[in-house]
Amino acid sequence: MTFLLNWLFTSIAIAIADWFVPGIIVLGAVEPWLCYVFTGLFLSLVNSLIKPIMTVLALPLTIITLGVFQLVVNGIMLELASSLSLNLLGAGIAITGFGSAFVGAIIVSIMCTILGVSKK
């Protein structure tokens, strides 16, 4: 049940990021809300499977930058989730550049915190 709520709140956060960031574009032959759901699913999976490994590998840079590099890791995870969603399901969000992914990841992180998504 927790994963489903995390998935739902992450999808809502991605929709809000799409509304604020001009470099995030909805792509696919399905309704836009399904694109957010697909990307939210992959972002939840990437955050639970790959992000812990990336966080440990990036720990020296995160310590040197006083935690700011973790925002870069979040941007990479959003870009990876977007790519997986588009390539595997044919629908999702397209991110035009790393700057858009970076700002989008900040917005998604803030919205997930507000909505109460548990980070593990």
N, C-alpha and C. Protein backbone atom coordinates (compact mmCIF):
# COMPACT_ATOMS: atom_id res chain seq x y z
N MET A 1 0.82 -1.19 0.00
CA MET A 1 0.00 0.00 0.00
C MET A 1 0.87 1.26 0.00
N THR A 2 1.98 1.21 0.72
CA THR A 2 2.87 2.36 0.78
C THR A 2 3.46 2.67 -0.59
N PHE A 3 3.83 1.62 -1.34
CA PHE A 3 4.40 1.85 -2.67
C PHE A 3 3.37 2.51 -3.58
N LEU A 4 2.10 2.11 -3.49
CA LEU A 4 1.06 2.70 -4.33
C LEU A 4 0.85 4.18 -4.00
N LEU A 5 0.88 4.52 -2.72
CA LEU A 5 0.76 5.93 -2.34
C LEU A 5 1.97 6.74 -2.79
N ASN A 6 3.16 6.17 -2.63
CA ASN A 6 4.36 6.84 -3.12
C ASN A 6 4.29 7.06 -4.62
N TRP A 7 3.82 6.06 -5.34
CA TRP A 7 3.67 6.15 -6.79
C TRP A 7 2.68 7.25 -7.15
N LEU A 8 1.55 7.30 -6.48
CA LEU A 8 0.54 8.31 -6.75
C LEU A 8 1.07 9.71 -6.48
N PHE A 9 1.70 9.91 -5.32
CA PHE A 9 2.21 11.24 -4.96
C PHE A 9 3.37 11.65 -5.86
N THR A 10 4.19 10.70 -6.27
CA THR A 10 5.29 11.01 -7.18
C THR A 10 4.74 11.42 -8.54
N SER A 11 3.70 10.75 -8.99
CA SER A 11 3.07 11.12 -10.27
C SER A 11 2.48 12.52 -10.21
N ILE A 12 1.86 12.86 -9.10
CA ILE A 12 1.32 14.22 -8.92
C ILE A 12 2.46 15.24 -8.91
N ALA A 13 3.55 14.90 -8.25
CA ALA A 13 4.70 15.81 -8.20
C ALA A 13 5.30 16.01 -9.59
N ILE A 14 5.34 14.97 -10.40
CA ILE A 14 5.85 15.10 -11.77
C ILE A 14 4.93 15.98 -12.60
N ALA A 15 3.62 15.85 -12.41
CA ALA A 15 2.68 16.71 -13.14
C ALA A 15 2.88 18.17 -12.76
N ILE A 16 3.13 18.44 -11.49
CA ILE A 16 3.37 19.82 -11.04
C ILE A 16 4.69 20.33 -11.61
N ALA A 17 5.71 19.48 -11.65
CA ALA A 17 6.99 19.89 -12.23
C ALA A 17 6.84 20.18 -13.72
N ASP A 18 6.01 19.40 -14.42
CA ASP A 18 5.77 19.65 -15.84
C ASP A 18 5.10 21.00 -16.03
N TRP A 19 4.25 21.37 -15.11
CA TRP A 19 3.54 22.64 -15.23
C TRP A 19 4.49 23.81 -15.02
N PHE A 20 5.50 23.66 -14.13
CA PHE A 20 6.41 24.75 -13.82
C PHE A 20 7.64 24.84 -14.73
N VAL A 21 8.16 23.71 -15.17
CA VAL A 21 9.43 23.69 -15.92
C VAL A 21 9.13 23.60 -17.41
N PRO A 22 9.57 24.60 -18.20
CA PRO A 22 9.27 24.56 -19.63
C PRO A 22 10.03 23.47 -20.40
N GLY A 23 11.08 22.91 -19.85
CA GLY A 23 11.85 21.89 -20.54
C GLY A 23 11.35 20.48 -20.36
N ILE A 24 10.24 20.30 -19.65
CA ILE A 24 9.64 18.98 -19.47
C ILE A 24 8.41 18.91 -20.37
N ILE A 25 8.41 17.91 -21.26
CA ILE A 25 7.37 17.79 -22.28
C ILE A 25 6.72 16.42 -22.16
N VAL A 26 5.40 16.38 -22.24
CA VAL A 26 4.67 15.11 -22.21
C VAL A 26 4.67 14.52 -23.62
N LEU A 27 5.10 13.26 -23.73
CA LEU A 27 5.14 12.57 -25.02
C LEU A 27 4.42 11.24 -24.91
N GLY A 28 3.75 10.85 -25.97
CA GLY A 28 3.09 9.55 -26.02
C GLY A 28 1.72 9.67 -26.65
N ALA A 29 1.20 8.54 -27.08
CA ALA A 29 -0.10 8.50 -27.74
C ALA A 29 -1.22 8.24 -26.76
N VAL A 30 -0.98 8.49 -25.49
CA VAL A 30 -1.99 8.28 -24.46
C VAL A 30 -2.31 9.61 -23.79
N GLU A 31 -3.26 9.59 -22.88
CA GLU A 31 -3.62 10.80 -22.15
C GLU A 31 -2.42 11.30 -21.34
N PRO A 32 -2.31 12.61 -21.13
CA PRO A 32 -1.18 13.14 -20.36
C PRO A 32 -1.08 12.57 -18.94
N TRP A 33 -2.20 12.31 -18.30
CA TRP A 33 -2.14 11.80 -16.94
C TRP A 33 -1.50 10.41 -16.91
N LEU A 34 -1.66 9.62 -17.97
CA LEU A 34 -1.00 8.32 -18.03
C LEU A 34 0.51 8.47 -18.18
N CYS A 35 0.92 9.51 -18.88
CA CYS A 35 2.37 9.77 -19.01
C CYS A 35 2.97 10.07 -17.64
N TYR A 36 2.26 10.84 -16.82
CA TYR A 36 2.73 11.13 -15.47
C TYR A 36 2.75 9.86 -14.62
N VAL A 37 1.73 9.01 -14.78
CA VAL A 37 1.67 7.77 -14.01
C VAL A 37 2.81 6.83 -14.40
N PHE A 38 3.09 6.71 -15.69
CA PHE A 38 4.18 5.84 -16.15
C PHE A 38 5.53 6.35 -15.63
N THR A 39 5.75 7.65 -15.76
CA THR A 39 7.01 8.21 -15.29
C THR A 39 7.11 8.12 -13.77
N GLY A 40 6.00 8.32 -13.08
CA GLY A 40 5.99 8.18 -11.63
C GLY A 40 6.32 6.77 -11.19
N LEU A 41 5.83 5.78 -11.94
CA LEU A 41 6.15 4.38 -11.63
C LEU A 41 7.64 4.14 -11.75
N PHE A 42 8.21 4.57 -12.86
CA PHE A 42 9.65 4.35 -13.06
C PHE A 42 10.49 5.17 -12.09
N LEU A 43 10.04 6.38 -11.74
CA LEU A 43 10.80 7.16 -10.77
C LEU A 43 10.76 6.50 -9.40
N SER A 44 9.62 5.94 -9.03
CA SER A 44 9.54 5.23 -7.75
C SER A 44 10.45 4.01 -7.75
N LEU A 45 10.48 3.28 -8.86
CA LEU A 45 11.36 2.11 -8.96
C LEU A 45 12.83 2.50 -8.95
N VAL A 46 13.17 3.53 -9.70
CA VAL A 46 14.56 3.99 -9.77
C VAL A 46 15.00 4.50 -8.40
N ASN A 47 14.13 5.23 -7.70
CA ASN A 47 14.49 5.76 -6.38
C ASN A 47 14.68 4.65 -5.35
N SER A 48 13.96 3.55 -5.51
CA SER A 48 14.11 2.49 -4.52
C SER A 48 15.21 1.50 -4.88
N LEU A 49 15.58 1.37 -6.16
CA LEU A 49 16.57 0.38 -6.56
C LEU A 49 17.94 0.96 -6.89
N ILE A 50 17.98 2.03 -7.64
CA ILE A 50 19.25 2.55 -8.16
C ILE A 50 19.77 3.73 -7.33
N LYS A 51 18.87 4.55 -6.81
CA LYS A 51 19.32 5.75 -6.10
C LYS A 51 20.18 5.45 -4.87
N PRO A 52 19.89 4.41 -4.08
CA PRO A 52 20.80 4.14 -2.95
C PRO A 52 22.24 3.84 -3.39
N ILE A 53 22.38 3.14 -4.49
CA ILE A 53 23.72 2.84 -5.01
C ILE A 53 24.40 4.11 -5.47
N MET A 54 23.66 4.95 -6.20
CA MET A 54 24.23 6.22 -6.68
C MET A 54 24.58 7.14 -5.52
N THR A 55 23.77 7.12 -4.47
CA THR A 55 24.03 7.96 -3.31
C THR A 55 25.33 7.56 -2.62
N VAL A 56 25.55 6.26 -2.50
CA VAL A 56 26.80 5.79 -1.88
C VAL A 56 28.00 6.13 -2.76
N LEU A 57 27.86 5.94 -4.07
CA LEU A 57 28.97 6.26 -4.97
C LEU A 57 29.28 7.76 -5.00
N ALA A 58 28.26 8.58 -4.85
CA ALA A 58 28.44 10.03 -4.89
C ALA A 58 28.70 10.64 -3.53
N LEU A 59 28.84 9.82 -2.51
CA LEU A 59 29.01 10.34 -1.15
C LEU A 59 30.20 11.28 -0.99
N PRO A 60 31.37 10.98 -1.56
CA PRO A 60 32.47 11.95 -1.41
C PRO A 60 32.15 13.33 -1.99
N LEU A 61 31.55 13.35 -3.17
CA LEU A 61 31.18 14.65 -3.76
C LEU A 61 30.08 15.34 -2.97
N THR A 62 29.16 14.55 -2.43
CA THR A 62 28.09 15.12 -1.63
C THR A 62 28.65 15.74 -0.36
N ILE A 63 29.63 15.11 0.24
CA ILE A 63 30.25 15.66 1.45
C ILE A 63 31.03 16.93 1.12
N ILE A 64 31.78 16.91 0.02
CA ILE A 64 32.58 18.08 -0.36
C ILE A 64 31.68 19.28 -0.67
N THR A 65 30.54 19.03 -1.33
CA THR A 65 29.64 20.12 -1.71
C THR A 65 28.58 20.41 -0.65
N LEU A 66 28.74 19.81 0.53
CA LEU A 66 27.82 20.02 1.64
C LEU A 66 26.37 19.62 1.29
N GLY A 67 26.23 18.57 0.52
CA GLY A 67 24.91 18.02 0.21
C GLY A 67 24.29 18.50 -1.09
N VAL A 68 24.87 19.50 -1.72
CA VAL A 68 24.28 20.04 -2.94
C VAL A 68 24.34 19.04 -4.09
N PHE A 69 25.35 18.18 -4.10
CA PHE A 69 25.48 17.21 -5.19
C PHE A 69 24.34 16.20 -5.19
N GLN A 70 23.66 16.05 -4.07
CA GLN A 70 22.51 15.15 -4.03
C GLN A 70 21.41 15.63 -4.96
N LEU A 71 21.33 16.93 -5.20
CA LEU A 71 20.37 17.47 -6.17
C LEU A 71 20.72 17.01 -7.58
N VAL A 72 22.00 16.90 -7.88
CA VAL A 72 22.43 16.39 -9.18
C VAL A 72 22.03 14.92 -9.32
N VAL A 73 22.20 14.15 -8.25
CA VAL A 73 21.80 12.74 -8.27
C VAL A 73 20.29 12.63 -8.51
N ASN A 74 19.51 13.50 -7.87
CA ASN A 74 18.05 13.51 -8.09
C ASN A 74 17.71 13.84 -9.54
N GLY A 75 18.43 14.77 -10.14
CA GLY A 75 18.21 15.10 -11.55
C GLY A 75 18.53 13.94 -12.47
N ILE A 76 19.60 13.22 -12.16
CA ILE A 76 19.96 12.04 -12.95
C ILE A 76 18.89 10.96 -12.82
N MET A 77 18.34 10.79 -11.63
CA MET A 77 17.29 9.78 -11.42
C MET A 77 16.02 10.16 -12.19
N LEU A 78 15.67 11.44 -12.23
CA LEU A 78 14.51 11.88 -13.00
C LEU A 78 14.73 11.67 -14.49
N GLU A 79 15.93 11.98 -14.96
CA GLU A 79 16.26 11.76 -16.37
C GLU A 79 16.21 10.28 -16.72
N LEU A 80 16.72 9.42 -15.84
CA LEU A 80 16.70 7.98 -16.06
C LEU A 80 15.27 7.44 -16.08
N ALA A 81 14.44 7.90 -15.16
CA ALA A 81 13.04 7.47 -15.13
C ALA A 81 12.31 7.91 -16.39
N SER A 82 12.58 9.11 -16.85
CA SER A 82 11.97 9.61 -18.07
C SER A 82 12.38 8.77 -19.27
N SER A 83 13.65 8.46 -19.35
CA SER A 83 14.16 7.65 -20.45
C SER A 83 13.57 6.24 -20.44
N LEU A 84 13.52 5.62 -19.27
CA LEU A 84 12.94 4.28 -19.16
C LEU A 84 11.47 4.27 -19.55
N SER A 85 10.73 5.27 -19.10
CA SER A 85 9.31 5.36 -19.41
C SER A 85 9.07 5.50 -20.91
N LEU A 86 9.84 6.38 -21.54
CA LEU A 86 9.67 6.59 -22.98
C LEU A 86 10.10 5.38 -23.79
N ASN A 87 11.21 4.77 -23.41
CA ASN A 87 11.74 3.66 -24.20
C ASN A 87 11.01 2.35 -23.98
N LEU A 88 10.54 2.09 -22.78
CA LEU A 88 9.89 0.82 -22.50
C LEU A 88 8.38 0.85 -22.73
N LEU A 89 7.73 1.96 -22.42
CA LEU A 89 6.28 2.04 -22.55
C LEU A 89 5.81 2.95 -23.68
N GLY A 90 6.70 3.76 -24.22
CA GLY A 90 6.34 4.64 -25.32
C GLY A 90 5.58 5.88 -24.90
N ALA A 91 5.46 6.11 -23.62
CA ALA A 91 4.77 7.30 -23.13
C ALA A 91 5.44 7.75 -21.84
N GLY A 92 5.50 9.04 -21.65
CA GLY A 92 6.13 9.58 -20.45
C GLY A 92 6.45 11.04 -20.66
N ILE A 93 7.46 11.50 -19.95
CA ILE A 93 7.90 12.88 -20.12
C ILE A 93 9.27 12.88 -20.79
N ALA A 94 9.48 13.87 -21.61
CA ALA A 94 10.79 14.08 -22.23
C ALA A 94 11.40 15.31 -21.58
N ILE A 95 12.68 15.22 -21.26
CA ILE A 95 13.37 16.33 -20.62
C ILE A 95 14.41 16.85 -21.61
N THR A 96 14.35 18.15 -21.91
CA THR A 96 15.17 18.70 -22.98
C THR A 96 16.64 18.87 -22.61
N GLY A 97 16.96 18.99 -21.35
CA GLY A 97 18.35 19.16 -20.95
C GLY A 97 18.53 18.89 -19.48
N PHE A 98 19.79 18.88 -19.06
CA PHE A 98 20.04 18.58 -17.66
C PHE A 98 19.54 19.70 -16.74
N GLY A 99 19.54 20.92 -17.21
CA GLY A 99 19.02 22.03 -16.40
C GLY A 99 17.55 21.84 -16.08
N SER A 100 16.79 21.39 -17.07
CA SER A 100 15.38 21.11 -16.83
C SER A 100 15.20 19.93 -15.89
N ALA A 101 16.06 18.92 -16.03
CA ALA A 101 15.99 17.76 -15.13
C ALA A 101 16.35 18.18 -13.71
N PHE A 102 17.34 19.06 -13.57
CA PHE A 102 17.77 19.53 -12.26
C PHE A 102 16.66 20.31 -11.55
N VAL A 103 16.06 21.27 -12.27
CA VAL A 103 14.98 22.07 -11.68
C VAL A 103 13.75 21.19 -11.44
N GLY A 104 13.46 20.30 -12.38
CA GLY A 104 12.33 19.38 -12.21
C GLY A 104 12.51 18.48 -11.01
N ALA A 105 13.73 18.01 -10.79
CA ALA A 105 14.01 17.14 -9.63
C ALA A 105 13.85 17.92 -8.33
N ILE A 106 14.23 19.18 -8.32
CA ILE A 106 14.05 20.00 -7.13
C ILE A 106 12.56 20.14 -6.82
N ILE A 107 11.76 20.42 -7.85
CA ILE A 107 10.32 20.58 -7.66
C ILE A 107 9.69 19.26 -7.22
N VAL A 108 10.09 18.16 -7.85
CA VAL A 108 9.55 16.85 -7.46
C VAL A 108 9.93 16.53 -6.01
N SER A 109 11.14 16.82 -5.61
CA SER A 109 11.56 16.57 -4.23
C SER A 109 10.76 17.40 -3.24
N ILE A 110 10.57 18.67 -3.55
CA ILE A 110 9.80 19.54 -2.66
C ILE A 110 8.35 19.07 -2.57
N MET A 111 7.76 18.73 -3.71
CA MET A 111 6.36 18.29 -3.71
C MET A 111 6.19 16.95 -3.01
N CYS A 112 7.14 16.04 -3.19
CA CYS A 112 7.06 14.76 -2.49
C CYS A 112 7.19 14.95 -0.99
N THR A 113 8.00 15.90 -0.57
CA THR A 113 8.10 16.20 0.86
C THR A 113 6.80 16.78 1.39
N ILE A 114 6.20 17.68 0.64
CA ILE A 114 4.93 18.28 1.05
C ILE A 114 3.82 17.22 1.09
N LEU A 115 3.79 16.35 0.07
CA LEU A 115 2.74 15.33 -0.01
C LEU A 115 2.98 14.18 0.94
N GLY A 116 4.18 14.07 1.47
CA GLY A 116 4.45 13.05 2.48
C GLY A 116 4.94 11.73 1.94
N VAL A 117 5.64 11.74 0.82
CA VAL A 117 6.21 10.50 0.27
C VAL A 117 7.38 10.09 1.15
N SER A 118 7.36 8.83 1.59
CA SER A 118 8.44 8.37 2.45
C SER A 118 9.67 8.03 1.62
N LYS A 119 10.80 8.55 2.01
CA LYS A 119 12.07 8.28 1.34
C LYS A 119 12.81 7.22 2.13
N LYS A 120 13.14 6.14 1.47
CA LYS A 120 13.86 5.06 2.17
C LYS A 120 15.18 4.81 1.53
